[in-house]
Amino acid sequence: MPVSSFSEYADTNPKKTPTWFALDGARPLFAFAGIRRPWTGVRGTKAENPDRIEEDHRLFSFLTCEPNGVVGPVHPKAMPVLLTTPEEWSTWLAAPTEIALELQRPLPDAEMRIVAQGARRDPAE
């Protein structure tokens, strides 16, 4: 999934504060390592989908890993797996699974930074 920034919520009072992360202030493109697959089933609750019809869906999820030193103070549980080069994108999309999964690691601290705080949308958009 291509992105130029992502946010996590800092646990601040009285309400949580969005914190935006990017590779740098110019917000160059990078990608979340993700998996997309078809699934057939019923989605939603009975209240949301009273007819409960089984249908075909395309599901997407992105991989996470231990947070690095930039994301960890804001969100200590995990961070997305970030792919930052064309070589990493190609490996993720075409390499055997055991090789692609070697990319499931935190991005080095020096390769990203906090670019905004407080706004629910990245102010650079």
PDB file of N, CA and C in Angstrom:
ATOM      1  N   MET A   1       0.846  -1.155   0.000  1.00  0.00           N
ATOM      2  CA  MET A   1       0.000   0.000   0.000  1.00  0.00           C
ATOM      3  C   MET A   1       0.905   1.236   0.000  1.00  0.00           C
ATOM      4  N   PRO A   2       0.847   2.071  -1.032  1.00  0.00           N
ATOM      5  CA  PRO A   2       1.680   3.277  -1.059  1.00  0.00           C
ATOM      6  C   PRO A   2       1.148   4.351  -0.118  1.00  0.00           C
ATOM      7  N   VAL A   3       2.067   4.995   0.595  1.00  0.00           N
ATOM      8  CA  VAL A   3       1.726   6.067   1.536  1.00  0.00           C
ATOM      9  C   VAL A   3       2.856   7.093   1.552  1.00  0.00           C
ATOM     10  N   SER A   4       2.557   8.264   2.084  1.00  0.00           N
ATOM     11  CA  SER A   4       3.608   9.266   2.265  1.00  0.00           C
ATOM     12  C   SER A   4       3.777   9.625   3.742  1.00  0.00           C
ATOM     13  N   SER A   5       2.837   9.199   4.585  1.00  0.00           N
ATOM     14  CA  SER A   5       2.920   9.386   6.029  1.00  0.00           C
ATOM     15  C   SER A   5       1.891   8.475   6.684  1.00  0.00           C
ATOM     16  N   PHE A   6       2.030   8.287   7.996  1.00  0.00           N
ATOM     17  CA  PHE A   6       1.023   7.539   8.747  1.00  0.00           C
ATOM     18  C   PHE A   6       0.980   8.110  10.152  1.00  0.00           C
ATOM     19  N   SER A   7      -0.111   7.839  10.864  1.00  0.00           N
ATOM     20  CA  SER A   7      -0.228   8.384  12.217  1.00  0.00           C
ATOM     21  C   SER A   7      -0.484   7.283  13.231  1.00  0.00           C
ATOM     22  N   GLU A   8      -0.082   7.587  14.441  1.00  0.00           N
ATOM     23  CA  GLU A   8      -0.412   6.802  15.628  1.00  0.00           C
ATOM     24  C   GLU A   8      -0.866   7.813  16.676  1.00  0.00           C
ATOM     25  N   TYR A   9      -1.696   7.365  17.604  1.00  0.00           N
ATOM     26  CA  TYR A   9      -2.211   8.263  18.629  1.00  0.00           C
ATOM     27  C   TYR A   9      -1.376   8.172  19.896  1.00  0.00           C
ATOM     28  N   ALA A  10      -0.831   9.295  20.309  1.00  0.00           N
ATOM     29  CA  ALA A  10      -0.116   9.368  21.583  1.00  0.00           C
ATOM     30  C   ALA A  10      -1.137   9.342  22.710  1.00  0.00           C
ATOM     31  N   ASP A  11      -0.855   8.624  23.760  1.00  0.00           N
ATOM     32  CA  ASP A  11      -1.765   8.486  24.892  1.00  0.00           C
ATOM     33  C   ASP A  11      -1.634   9.709  25.801  1.00  0.00           C
ATOM     34  N   THR A  12      -2.286  10.793  25.394  1.00  0.00           N
ATOM     35  CA  THR A  12      -2.237  12.046  26.138  1.00  0.00           C
ATOM     36  C   THR A  12      -3.608  12.349  26.727  1.00  0.00           C
ATOM     37  N   ASN A  13      -3.624  13.184  27.740  1.00  0.00           N
ATOM     38  CA  ASN A  13      -4.886  13.574  28.384  1.00  0.00           C
ATOM     39  C   ASN A  13      -5.200  15.025  28.056  1.00  0.00           C
ATOM     40  N   PRO A  14      -6.417  15.439  27.888  1.00  0.00           N
ATOM     41  CA  PRO A  14      -7.635  14.662  28.131  1.00  0.00           C
ATOM     42  C   PRO A  14      -8.009  13.748  26.965  1.00  0.00           C
ATOM     43  N   LYS A  15      -7.432  13.918  25.783  1.00  0.00           N
ATOM     44  CA  LYS A  15      -7.717  12.987  24.689  1.00  0.00           C
ATOM     45  C   LYS A  15      -6.418  12.670  23.960  1.00  0.00           C
ATOM     46  N   LYS A  16      -6.434  11.580  23.206  1.00  0.00           N
ATOM     47  CA  LYS A  16      -5.241  11.143  22.493  1.00  0.00           C
ATOM     48  C   LYS A  16      -4.871  12.130  21.392  1.00  0.00           C
ATOM     49  N   THR A  17      -3.560  12.252  21.121  1.00  0.00           N
ATOM     50  CA  THR A  17      -3.053  13.202  20.146  1.00  0.00           C
ATOM     51  C   THR A  17      -2.490  12.469  18.934  1.00  0.00           C
ATOM     52  N   PRO A  18      -2.995  12.750  17.711  1.00  0.00           N
ATOM     53  CA  PRO A  18      -2.397  12.134  16.518  1.00  0.00           C
ATOM     54  C   PRO A  18      -0.954  12.605  16.335  1.00  0.00           C
ATOM     55  N   THR A  19      -0.083  11.666  16.021  1.00  0.00           N
ATOM     56  CA  THR A  19       1.315  11.950  15.721  1.00  0.00           C
ATOM     57  C   THR A  19       1.613  11.360  14.355  1.00  0.00           C
ATOM     58  N   TRP A  20       2.128  12.199  13.449  1.00  0.00           N
ATOM     59  CA  TRP A  20       2.372  11.797  12.061  1.00  0.00           C
ATOM     60  C   TRP A  20       3.837  11.479  11.833  1.00  0.00           C
ATOM     61  N   PHE A  21       4.086  10.369  11.151  1.00  0.00           N
ATOM     62  CA  PHE A  21       5.430   9.886  10.844  1.00  0.00           C
ATOM     63  C   PHE A  21       5.626   9.838   9.333  1.00  0.00           C
ATOM     64  N   ALA A  22       6.830  10.160   8.886  1.00  0.00           N
ATOM     65  CA  ALA A  22       7.193  10.069   7.470  1.00  0.00           C
ATOM     66  C   ALA A  22       8.690   9.820   7.382  1.00  0.00           C
ATOM     67  N   LEU A  23       9.165   9.586   6.176  1.00  0.00           N
ATOM     68  CA  LEU A  23      10.603   9.371   5.998  1.00  0.00           C
ATOM     69  C   LEU A  23      11.363  10.662   6.228  1.00  0.00           C
ATOM     70  N   ASP A  24      10.769  11.784   5.823  1.00  0.00           N
ATOM     71  CA  ASP A  24      11.342  13.109   6.094  1.00  0.00           C
ATOM     72  C   ASP A  24      10.257  14.154   5.862  1.00  0.00           C
ATOM     73  N   GLY A  25      10.597  15.415   6.042  1.00  0.00           N
ATOM     74  CA  GLY A  25       9.618  16.484   5.933  1.00  0.00           C
ATOM     75  C   GLY A  25       8.985  16.631   4.560  1.00  0.00           C
ATOM     76  N   ALA A  26       9.658  16.178   3.509  1.00  0.00           N
ATOM     77  CA  ALA A  26       9.099  16.240   2.151  1.00  0.00           C
ATOM     78  C   ALA A  26       8.067  15.140   1.911  1.00  0.00           C
ATOM     79  N   ARG A  27       7.984  14.177   2.804  1.00  0.00           N
ATOM     80  CA  ARG A  27       7.046  13.059   2.749  1.00  0.00           C
ATOM     81  C   ARG A  27       7.132  12.271   1.439  1.00  0.00           C
ATOM     82  N   PRO A  28       8.315  11.735   1.138  1.00  0.00           N
ATOM     83  CA  PRO A  28       8.425  10.913  -0.074  1.00  0.00           C
ATOM     84  C   PRO A  28       7.615   9.626   0.061  1.00  0.00           C
ATOM     85  N   LEU A  29       7.280   9.053  -1.056  1.00  0.00           N
ATOM     86  CA  LEU A  29       6.471   7.848  -1.104  1.00  0.00           C
ATOM     87  C   LEU A  29       7.229   6.648  -0.536  1.00  0.00           C
ATOM     88  N   PHE A  30       6.537   5.831   0.239  1.00  0.00           N
ATOM     89  CA  PHE A  30       7.024   4.536   0.697  1.00  0.00           C
ATOM     90  C   PHE A  30       5.810   3.623   0.711  1.00  0.00           C
ATOM     91  N   ALA A  31       5.936   2.427   1.237  1.00  0.00           N
ATOM     92  CA  ALA A  31       4.803   1.496   1.199  1.00  0.00           C
ATOM     93  C   ALA A  31       4.713   0.712   2.497  1.00  0.00           C
ATOM     94  N   PHE A  32       3.485   0.346   2.854  1.00  0.00           N
ATOM     95  CA  PHE A  32       3.246  -0.632   3.906  1.00  0.00           C
ATOM     96  C   PHE A  32       3.322  -2.009   3.249  1.00  0.00           C
ATOM     97  N   ALA A  33       3.981  -2.957   3.881  1.00  0.00           N
ATOM     98  CA  ALA A  33       3.963  -4.339   3.410  1.00  0.00           C
ATOM     99  C   ALA A  33       2.594  -4.912   3.758  1.00  0.00           C
ATOM    100  N   GLY A  34       1.877  -5.358   2.757  1.00  0.00           N
ATOM    101  CA  GLY A  34       0.527  -5.841   3.003  1.00  0.00           C
ATOM    102  C   GLY A  34       0.223  -7.127   2.269  1.00  0.00           C
ATOM    103  N   ILE A  35      -0.893  -7.704   2.636  1.00  0.00           N
ATOM    104  CA  ILE A  35      -1.382  -8.935   2.027  1.00  0.00           C
ATOM    105  C   ILE A  35      -2.825  -8.710   1.610  1.00  0.00           C
ATOM    106  N   ARG A  36      -3.142  -9.064   0.378  1.00  0.00           N
ATOM    107  CA  ARG A  36      -4.521  -8.970  -0.114  1.00  0.00           C
ATOM    108  C   ARG A  36      -4.938 -10.361  -0.555  1.00  0.00           C
ATOM    109  N   ARG A  37      -6.150 -10.725  -0.192  1.00  0.00           N
ATOM    110  CA  ARG A  37      -6.640 -12.040  -0.588  1.00  0.00           C
ATOM    111  C   ARG A  37      -8.152 -12.036  -0.689  1.00  0.00           C
ATOM    112  N   PRO A  38      -8.713 -12.907  -1.489  1.00  0.00           N
ATOM    113  CA  PRO A  38     -10.170 -13.026  -1.558  1.00  0.00           C
ATOM    114  C   PRO A  38     -10.697 -13.812  -0.366  1.00  0.00           C
ATOM    115  N   TRP A  39     -11.930 -13.525   0.006  1.00  0.00           N
ATOM    116  CA  TRP A  39     -12.590 -14.241   1.090  1.00  0.00           C
ATOM    117  C   TRP A  39     -14.087 -14.251   0.805  1.00  0.00           C
ATOM    118  N   THR A  40     -14.727 -15.358   1.039  1.00  0.00           N
ATOM    119  CA  THR A  40     -16.169 -15.474   0.877  1.00  0.00           C
ATOM    120  C   THR A  40     -16.776 -15.673   2.253  1.00  0.00           C
ATOM    121  N   GLY A  41     -17.730 -14.807   2.594  1.00  0.00           N
ATOM    122  CA  GLY A  41     -18.367 -14.919   3.890  1.00  0.00           C
ATOM    123  C   GLY A  41     -19.310 -13.762   4.134  1.00  0.00           C
ATOM    124  N   VAL A  42     -19.842 -13.706   5.343  1.00  0.00           N
ATOM    125  CA  VAL A  42     -20.781 -12.670   5.762  1.00  0.00           C
ATOM    126  C   VAL A  42     -20.013 -11.659   6.596  1.00  0.00           C
ATOM    127  N   ARG A  43     -20.129 -10.394   6.234  1.00  0.00           N
ATOM    128  CA  ARG A  43     -19.427  -9.344   6.976  1.00  0.00           C
ATOM    129  C   ARG A  43     -20.420  -8.518   7.785  1.00  0.00           C
ATOM    130  N   GLY A  44     -19.939  -7.969   8.880  1.00  0.00           N
ATOM    131  CA  GLY A  44     -20.751  -7.073   9.696  1.00  0.00           C
ATOM    132  C   GLY A  44     -21.646  -7.805  10.676  1.00  0.00           C
ATOM    133  N   THR A  45     -22.239  -7.028  11.554  1.00  0.00           N
ATOM    134  CA  THR A  45     -23.157  -7.578  12.555  1.00  0.00           C
ATOM    135  C   THR A  45     -24.563  -7.643  11.970  1.00  0.00           C
ATOM    136  N   LYS A  46     -25.458  -8.306  12.659  1.00  0.00           N
ATOM    137  CA  LYS A  46     -26.844  -8.366  12.199  1.00  0.00           C
ATOM    138  C   LYS A  46     -27.455  -6.973  12.146  1.00  0.00           C
ATOM    139  N   ALA A  47     -27.057  -6.111  13.079  1.00  0.00           N
ATOM    140  CA  ALA A  47     -27.578  -4.733  13.080  1.00  0.00           C
ATOM    141  C   ALA A  47     -27.084  -3.969  11.851  1.00  0.00           C
ATOM    142  N   GLU A  48     -25.829  -4.190  11.461  1.00  0.00           N
ATOM    143  CA  GLU A  48     -25.265  -3.496  10.304  1.00  0.00           C
ATOM    144  C   GLU A  48     -25.723  -4.108   8.985  1.00  0.00           C
ATOM    145  N   ASN A  49     -25.937  -5.424   8.980  1.00  0.00           N
ATOM    146  CA  ASN A  49     -26.242  -6.162   7.764  1.00  0.00           C
ATOM    147  C   ASN A  49     -27.340  -7.175   8.074  1.00  0.00           C
ATOM    148  N   PRO A  50     -28.590  -6.712   8.199  1.00  0.00           N
ATOM    149  CA  PRO A  50     -29.659  -7.623   8.645  1.00  0.00           C
ATOM    150  C   PRO A  50     -29.916  -8.778   7.679  1.00  0.00           C
ATOM    151  N   ASP A  51     -29.618  -8.608   6.407  1.00  0.00           N
ATOM    152  CA  ASP A  51     -29.872  -9.678   5.437  1.00  0.00           C
ATOM    153  C   ASP A  51     -28.821 -10.783   5.511  1.00  0.00           C
ATOM    154  N   ARG A  52     -27.623 -10.455   6.033  1.00  0.00           N
ATOM    155  CA  ARG A  52     -26.537 -11.418   6.259  1.00  0.00           C
ATOM    156  C   ARG A  52     -26.315 -12.317   5.041  1.00  0.00           C
ATOM    157  N   ILE A  53     -26.071 -11.732   3.891  1.00  0.00           N
ATOM    158  CA  ILE A  53     -25.835 -12.481   2.662  1.00  0.00           C
ATOM    159  C   ILE A  53     -24.347 -12.798   2.531  1.00  0.00           C
ATOM    160  N   GLU A  54     -24.020 -14.035   2.233  1.00  0.00           N
ATOM    161  CA  GLU A  54     -22.632 -14.412   1.988  1.00  0.00           C
ATOM    162  C   GLU A  54     -22.203 -13.858   0.635  1.00  0.00           C
ATOM    163  N   GLU A  55     -21.060 -13.186   0.624  1.00  0.00           N
ATOM    164  CA  GLU A  55     -20.560 -12.559  -0.601  1.00  0.00           C
ATOM    165  C   GLU A  55     -19.063 -12.761  -0.718  1.00  0.00           C
ATOM    166  N   ASP A  56     -18.538 -12.457  -1.913  1.00  0.00           N
ATOM    167  CA  ASP A  56     -17.092 -12.460  -2.132  1.00  0.00           C
ATOM    168  C   ASP A  56     -16.544 -11.096  -1.745  1.00  0.00           C
ATOM    169  N   HIS A  57     -15.414 -11.091  -1.053  1.00  0.00           N
ATOM    170  CA  HIS A  57     -14.778  -9.853  -0.609  1.00  0.00           C
ATOM    171  C   HIS A  57     -13.290  -9.917  -0.930  1.00  0.00           C
ATOM    172  N   ARG A  58     -12.668  -8.757  -1.036  1.00  0.00           N
ATOM    173  CA  ARG A  58     -11.216  -8.657  -1.135  1.00  0.00           C
ATOM    174  C   ARG A  58     -10.726  -8.031   0.158  1.00  0.00           C
ATOM    175  N   LEU A  59      -9.960  -8.774   0.915  1.00  0.00           N
ATOM    176  CA  LEU A  59      -9.472  -8.306   2.204  1.00  0.00           C
ATOM    177  C   LEU A  59      -8.032  -7.834   2.074  1.00  0.00           C
ATOM    178  N   PHE A  60      -7.691  -6.806   2.823  1.00  0.00           N
ATOM    179  CA  PHE A  60      -6.324  -6.301   2.849  1.00  0.00           C
ATOM    180  C   PHE A  60      -5.918  -6.094   4.290  1.00  0.00           C
ATOM    181  N   SER A  61      -4.707  -6.485   4.600  1.00  0.00           N
ATOM    182  CA  SER A  61      -4.142  -6.183   5.910  1.00  0.00           C
ATOM    183  C   SER A  61      -2.675  -5.848   5.703  1.00  0.00           C
ATOM    184  N   PHE A  62      -2.126  -5.065   6.607  1.00  0.00           N
ATOM    185  CA  PHE A  62      -0.698  -4.788   6.499  1.00  0.00           C
ATOM    186  C   PHE A  62       0.024  -5.390   7.690  1.00  0.00           C
ATOM    187  N   LEU A  63       1.287  -5.735   7.460  1.00  0.00           N
ATOM    188  CA  LEU A  63       2.102  -6.363   8.487  1.00  0.00           C
ATOM    189  C   LEU A  63       2.622  -5.326   9.467  1.00  0.00           C
ATOM    190  N   THR A  64       2.824  -5.769  10.697  1.00  0.00           N
ATOM    191  CA  THR A  64       3.430  -4.920  11.717  1.00  0.00           C
ATOM    192  C   THR A  64       4.676  -5.603  12.262  1.00  0.00           C
ATOM    193  N   CYS A  65       5.431  -4.841  13.021  1.00  0.00           N
ATOM    194  CA  CYS A  65       6.650  -5.341  13.649  1.00  0.00           C
ATOM    195  C   CYS A  65       6.860  -4.560  14.944  1.00  0.00           C
ATOM    196  N   GLU A  66       7.913  -4.884  15.659  1.00  0.00           N
ATOM    197  CA  GLU A  66       8.268  -4.120  16.850  1.00  0.00           C
ATOM    198  C   GLU A  66       8.489  -2.662  16.452  1.00  0.00           C
ATOM    199  N   PRO A  67       8.097  -1.704  17.279  1.00  0.00           N
ATOM    200  CA  PRO A  67       8.322  -0.301  16.926  1.00  0.00           C
ATOM    201  C   PRO A  67       9.798   0.075  17.044  1.00  0.00           C
ATOM    202  N   ASN A  68      10.204   1.026  16.219  1.00  0.00           N
ATOM    203  CA  ASN A  68      11.569   1.541  16.338  1.00  0.00           C
ATOM    204  C   ASN A  68      11.593   2.637  17.405  1.00  0.00           C
ATOM    205  N   GLY A  69      12.719   3.311  17.570  1.00  0.00           N
ATOM    206  CA  GLY A  69      12.860   4.335  18.595  1.00  0.00           C
ATOM    207  C   GLY A  69      12.111   5.617  18.305  1.00  0.00           C
ATOM    208  N   VAL A  70      11.619   5.804  17.077  1.00  0.00           N
ATOM    209  CA  VAL A  70      10.833   6.988  16.734  1.00  0.00           C
ATOM    210  C   VAL A  70       9.352   6.738  17.042  1.00  0.00           C
ATOM    211  N   VAL A  71       8.847   5.592  16.619  1.00  0.00           N
ATOM    212  CA  VAL A  71       7.433   5.261  16.821  1.00  0.00           C
ATOM    213  C   VAL A  71       7.170   4.756  18.240  1.00  0.00           C
ATOM    214  N   GLY A  72       8.099   4.007  18.815  1.00  0.00           N
ATOM    215  CA  GLY A  72       7.900   3.363  20.114  1.00  0.00           C
ATOM    216  C   GLY A  72       7.441   4.262  21.240  1.00  0.00           C
ATOM    217  N   PRO A  73       7.995   5.479  21.395  1.00  0.00           N
ATOM    218  CA  PRO A  73       7.520   6.335  22.485  1.00  0.00           C
ATOM    219  C   PRO A  73       6.055   6.755  22.330  1.00  0.00           C
ATOM    220  N   VAL A  74       5.550   6.752  21.110  1.00  0.00           N
ATOM    221  CA  VAL A  74       4.155   7.131  20.855  1.00  0.00           C
ATOM    222  C   VAL A  74       3.256   5.898  20.867  1.00  0.00           C
ATOM    223  N   HIS A  75       3.710   4.827  20.234  1.00  0.00           N
ATOM    224  CA  HIS A  75       2.912   3.607  20.114  1.00  0.00           C
ATOM    225  C   HIS A  75       3.816   2.403  20.383  1.00  0.00           C
ATOM    226  N   PRO A  76       3.945   2.009  21.646  1.00  0.00           N
ATOM    227  CA  PRO A  76       4.914   0.969  22.010  1.00  0.00           C
ATOM    228  C   PRO A  76       4.551  -0.443  21.569  1.00  0.00           C
ATOM    229  N   LYS A  77       3.336  -0.651  21.105  1.00  0.00           N
ATOM    230  CA  LYS A  77       2.902  -2.000  20.769  1.00  0.00           C
ATOM    231  C   LYS A  77       3.480  -2.487  19.437  1.00  0.00           C
ATOM    232  N   ALA A  78       3.429  -1.670  18.390  1.00  0.00           N
ATOM    233  CA  ALA A  78       3.858  -2.110  17.061  1.00  0.00           C
ATOM    234  C   ALA A  78       3.929  -0.915  16.113  1.00  0.00           C
ATOM    235  N   MET A  79       4.503  -1.163  14.932  1.00  0.00           N
ATOM    236  CA  MET A  79       4.491  -0.184  13.857  1.00  0.00           C
ATOM    237  C   MET A  79       4.332  -0.948  12.546  1.00  0.00           C
ATOM    238  N   PRO A  80       3.883  -0.276  11.473  1.00  0.00           N
ATOM    239  CA  PRO A  80       3.778  -0.968  10.194  1.00  0.00           C
ATOM    240  C   PRO A  80       5.160  -1.336   9.650  1.00  0.00           C
ATOM    241  N   VAL A  81       5.213  -2.402   8.885  1.00  0.00           N
ATOM    242  CA  VAL A  81       6.434  -2.747   8.160  1.00  0.00           C
ATOM    243  C   VAL A  81       6.506  -1.800   6.968  1.00  0.00           C
ATOM    244  N   LEU A  82       7.593  -1.019   6.903  1.00  0.00           N
ATOM    245  CA  LEU A  82       7.739   0.002   5.870  1.00  0.00           C
ATOM    246  C   LEU A  82       8.743  -0.438   4.816  1.00  0.00           C
ATOM    247  N   LEU A  83       8.348  -0.326   3.560  1.00  0.00           N
ATOM    248  CA  LEU A  83       9.212  -0.642   2.422  1.00  0.00           C
ATOM    249  C   LEU A  83       9.559   0.679   1.752  1.00  0.00           C
ATOM    250  N   THR A  84      10.847   0.998   1.657  1.00  0.00           N
ATOM    251  CA  THR A  84      11.242   2.344   1.246  1.00  0.00           C
ATOM    252  C   THR A  84      11.980   2.430  -0.081  1.00  0.00           C
ATOM    253  N   THR A  85      12.337   1.305  -0.680  1.00  0.00           N
ATOM    254  CA  THR A  85      13.090   1.346  -1.932  1.00  0.00           C
ATOM    255  C   THR A  85      12.415   0.475  -2.993  1.00  0.00           C
ATOM    256  N   PRO A  86      12.659   0.767  -4.263  1.00  0.00           N
ATOM    257  CA  PRO A  86      12.118  -0.100  -5.325  1.00  0.00           C
ATOM    258  C   PRO A  86      12.568  -1.561  -5.171  1.00  0.00           C
ATOM    259  N   GLU A  87      13.759  -1.780  -4.661  1.00  0.00           N
ATOM    260  CA  GLU A  87      14.230  -3.153  -4.450  1.00  0.00           C
ATOM    261  C   GLU A  87      13.391  -3.864  -3.382  1.00  0.00           C
ATOM    262  N   GLU A  88      13.064  -3.152  -2.305  1.00  0.00           N
ATOM    263  CA  GLU A  88      12.214  -3.754  -1.273  1.00  0.00           C
ATOM    264  C   GLU A  88      10.810  -4.017  -1.812  1.00  0.00           C
ATOM    265  N   TRP A  89      10.273  -3.095  -2.597  1.00  0.00           N
ATOM    266  CA  TRP A  89       8.935  -3.300  -3.175  1.00  0.00           C
ATOM    267  C   TRP A  89       8.936  -4.542  -4.052  1.00  0.00           C
ATOM    268  N   SER A  90       9.963  -4.673  -4.884  1.00  0.00           N
ATOM    269  CA  SER A  90      10.066  -5.825  -5.774  1.00  0.00           C
ATOM    270  C   SER A  90      10.208  -7.125  -4.984  1.00  0.00           C
ATOM    271  N   THR A  91      11.045  -7.109  -3.956  1.00  0.00           N
ATOM    272  CA  THR A  91      11.201  -8.295  -3.117  1.00  0.00           C
ATOM    273  C   THR A  91       9.881  -8.680  -2.483  1.00  0.00           C
ATOM    274  N   TRP A  92       9.166  -7.694  -1.935  1.00  0.00           N
ATOM    275  CA  TRP A  92       7.894  -7.988  -1.276  1.00  0.00           C
ATOM    276  C   TRP A  92       6.891  -8.595  -2.250  1.00  0.00           C
ATOM    277  N   LEU A  93       6.861  -8.098  -3.468  1.00  0.00           N
ATOM    278  CA  LEU A  93       5.858  -8.539  -4.438  1.00  0.00           C
ATOM    279  C   LEU A  93       6.220  -9.826  -5.166  1.00  0.00           C
ATOM    280  N   ALA A  94       7.517 -10.123  -5.318  1.00  0.00           N
ATOM    281  CA  ALA A  94       7.884 -11.220  -6.202  1.00  0.00           C
ATOM    282  C   ALA A  94       8.758 -12.316  -5.588  1.00  0.00           C
ATOM    283  N   ALA A  95       9.387 -12.059  -4.477  1.00  0.00           N
ATOM    284  CA  ALA A  95      10.317 -13.048  -3.906  1.00  0.00           C
ATOM    285  C   ALA A  95       9.559 -14.175  -3.211  1.00  0.00           C
ATOM    286  N   PRO A  96      10.214 -15.315  -3.014  1.00  0.00           N
ATOM    287  CA  PRO A  96       9.599 -16.372  -2.206  1.00  0.00           C
ATOM    288  C   PRO A  96       9.269 -15.838  -0.805  1.00  0.00           C
ATOM    289  N   THR A  97       8.251 -16.392  -0.196  1.00  0.00           N
ATOM    290  CA  THR A  97       7.748 -15.909   1.093  1.00  0.00           C
ATOM    291  C   THR A  97       8.842 -15.774   2.138  1.00  0.00           C
ATOM    292  N   GLU A  98       9.699 -16.781   2.271  1.00  0.00           N
ATOM    293  CA  GLU A  98      10.719 -16.727   3.325  1.00  0.00           C
ATOM    294  C   GLU A  98      11.690 -15.565   3.124  1.00  0.00           C
ATOM    295  N   ILE A  99      11.924 -15.166   1.892  1.00  0.00           N
ATOM    296  CA  ILE A  99      12.796 -14.009   1.619  1.00  0.00           C
ATOM    297  C   ILE A  99      12.034 -12.706   1.858  1.00  0.00           C
ATOM    298  N   ALA A 100      10.802 -12.636   1.364  1.00  0.00           N
ATOM    299  CA  ALA A 100       9.993 -11.424   1.553  1.00  0.00           C
ATOM    300  C   ALA A 100       9.785 -11.125   3.030  1.00  0.00           C
ATOM    301  N   LEU A 101       9.573 -12.136   3.845  1.00  0.00           N
ATOM    302  CA  LEU A 101       9.310 -11.919   5.267  1.00  0.00           C
ATOM    303  C   LEU A 101      10.524 -11.413   6.037  1.00  0.00           C
ATOM    304  N   GLU A 102      11.716 -11.477   5.435  1.00  0.00           N
ATOM    305  CA  GLU A 102      12.891 -10.870   6.067  1.00  0.00           C
ATOM    306  C   GLU A 102      12.746  -9.350   6.161  1.00  0.00           C
ATOM    307  N   LEU A 103      11.823  -8.783   5.375  1.00  0.00           N
ATOM    308  CA  LEU A 103      11.558  -7.339   5.411  1.00  0.00           C
ATOM    309  C   LEU A 103      10.686  -6.949   6.601  1.00  0.00           C
ATOM    310  N   GLN A 104      10.172  -7.917   7.340  1.00  0.00           N
ATOM    311  CA  GLN A 104       9.317  -7.621   8.495  1.00  0.00           C
ATOM    312  C   GLN A 104      10.206  -7.269   9.688  1.00  0.00           C
ATOM    313  N   ARG A 105      10.658  -5.993   9.685  1.00  0.00           N
ATOM    314  CA  ARG A 105      11.541  -5.466  10.711  1.00  0.00           C
ATOM    315  C   ARG A 105      11.294  -3.975  10.843  1.00  0.00           C
ATOM    316  N   PRO A 106      11.628  -3.391  11.988  1.00  0.00           N
ATOM    317  CA  PRO A 106      11.439  -1.947  12.142  1.00  0.00           C
ATOM    318  C   PRO A 106      12.396  -1.179  11.228  1.00  0.00           C
ATOM    319  N   LEU A 107      11.926  -0.088  10.690  1.00  0.00           N
ATOM    320  CA  LEU A 107      12.794   0.791   9.916  1.00  0.00           C
ATOM    321  C   LEU A 107      13.797   1.426  10.875  1.00  0.00           C
ATOM    322  N   PRO A 108      15.067   1.548  10.488  1.00  0.00           N
ATOM    323  CA  PRO A 108      16.037   2.199  11.379  1.00  0.00           C
ATOM    324  C   PRO A 108      15.584   3.614  11.769  1.00  0.00           C
ATOM    325  N   ASP A 109      15.841   3.994  13.006  1.00  0.00           N
ATOM    326  CA  ASP A 109      15.412   5.300  13.525  1.00  0.00           C
ATOM    327  C   ASP A 109      15.840   6.453  12.627  1.00  0.00           C
ATOM    328  N   ALA A 110      17.034   6.392  12.095  1.00  0.00           N
ATOM    329  CA  ALA A 110      17.573   7.498  11.294  1.00  0.00           C
ATOM    330  C   ALA A 110      16.841   7.679   9.962  1.00  0.00           C
ATOM    331  N   GLU A 111      16.005   6.709   9.581  1.00  0.00           N
ATOM    332  CA  GLU A 111      15.333   6.778   8.284  1.00  0.00           C
ATOM    333  C   GLU A 111      13.908   7.319   8.360  1.00  0.00           C
ATOM    334  N   MET A 112      13.473   7.783   9.534  1.00  0.00           N
ATOM    335  CA  MET A 112      12.129   8.362   9.637  1.00  0.00           C
ATOM    336  C   MET A 112      12.082   9.389  10.755  1.00  0.00           C
ATOM    337  N   ARG A 113      10.991  10.170  10.767  1.00  0.00           N
ATOM    338  CA  ARG A 113      10.865  11.159  11.830  1.00  0.00           C
ATOM    339  C   ARG A 113       9.405  11.552  12.017  1.00  0.00           C
ATOM    340  N   ILE A 114       9.133  12.226  13.127  1.00  0.00           N
ATOM    341  CA  ILE A 114       7.817  12.809  13.369  1.00  0.00           C
ATOM    342  C   ILE A 114       7.742  14.078  12.533  1.00  0.00           C
ATOM    343  N   VAL A 115       6.660  14.212  11.754  1.00  0.00           N
ATOM    344  CA  VAL A 115       6.520  15.385  10.888  1.00  0.00           C
ATOM    345  C   VAL A 115       5.368  16.300  11.287  1.00  0.00           C
ATOM    346  N   ALA A 116       4.483  15.845  12.170  1.00  0.00           N
ATOM    347  CA  ALA A 116       3.376  16.693  12.641  1.00  0.00           C
ATOM    348  C   ALA A 116       2.743  16.034  13.857  1.00  0.00           C
ATOM    349  N   GLN A 117       2.085  16.869  14.675  1.00  0.00           N
ATOM    350  CA  GLN A 117       1.346  16.367  15.841  1.00  0.00           C
ATOM    351  C   GLN A 117       0.090  17.195  16.026  1.00  0.00           C
ATOM    352  N   GLY A 118      -0.971  16.531  16.483  1.00  0.00           N
ATOM    353  CA  GLY A 118      -2.192  17.228  16.849  1.00  0.00           C
ATOM    354  C   GLY A 118      -3.291  17.226  15.807  1.00  0.00           C
ATOM    355  N   ALA A 119      -2.949  17.235  14.532  1.00  0.00           N
ATOM    356  CA  ALA A 119      -3.971  17.293  13.483  1.00  0.00           C
ATOM    357  C   ALA A 119      -4.477  15.895  13.159  1.00  0.00           C
ATOM    358  N   ARG A 120      -5.784  15.788  12.896  1.00  0.00           N
ATOM    359  CA  ARG A 120      -6.364  14.493  12.531  1.00  0.00           C
ATOM    360  C   ARG A 120      -6.025  14.111  11.092  1.00  0.00           C
ATOM    361  N   ARG A 121      -5.605  15.077  10.290  1.00  0.00           N
ATOM    362  CA  ARG A 121      -5.114  14.830   8.930  1.00  0.00           C
ATOM    363  C   ARG A 121      -3.702  15.351   8.846  1.00  0.00           C
ATOM    364  N   ASP A 122      -2.878  14.713   8.023  1.00  0.00           N
ATOM    365  CA  ASP A 122      -1.505  15.192   7.843  1.00  0.00           C
ATOM    366  C   ASP A 122      -1.598  16.597   7.257  1.00  0.00           C
ATOM    367  N   PRO A 123      -1.074  17.607   7.945  1.00  0.00           N
ATOM    368  CA  PRO A 123      -1.182  18.986   7.460  1.00  0.00           C
ATOM    369  C   PRO A 123      -0.495  19.215   6.124  1.00  0.00           C
ATOM    370  N   ALA A 124       0.340  18.317   5.684  1.00  0.00           N
ATOM    371  CA  ALA A 124       1.015  18.485   4.392  1.00  0.00           C
ATOM    372  C   ALA A 124       0.103  18.162   3.224  1.00  0.00           C
ATOM    373  N   GLU A 125      -1.035  17.511   3.472  1.00  0.00           N
ATOM    374  CA  GLU A 125      -1.950  17.144   2.380  1.00  0.00           C
ATOM    375  C   GLU A 125      -2.658  18.358   1.836  1.00  0.00           C
TER     376      GLU A 125
END
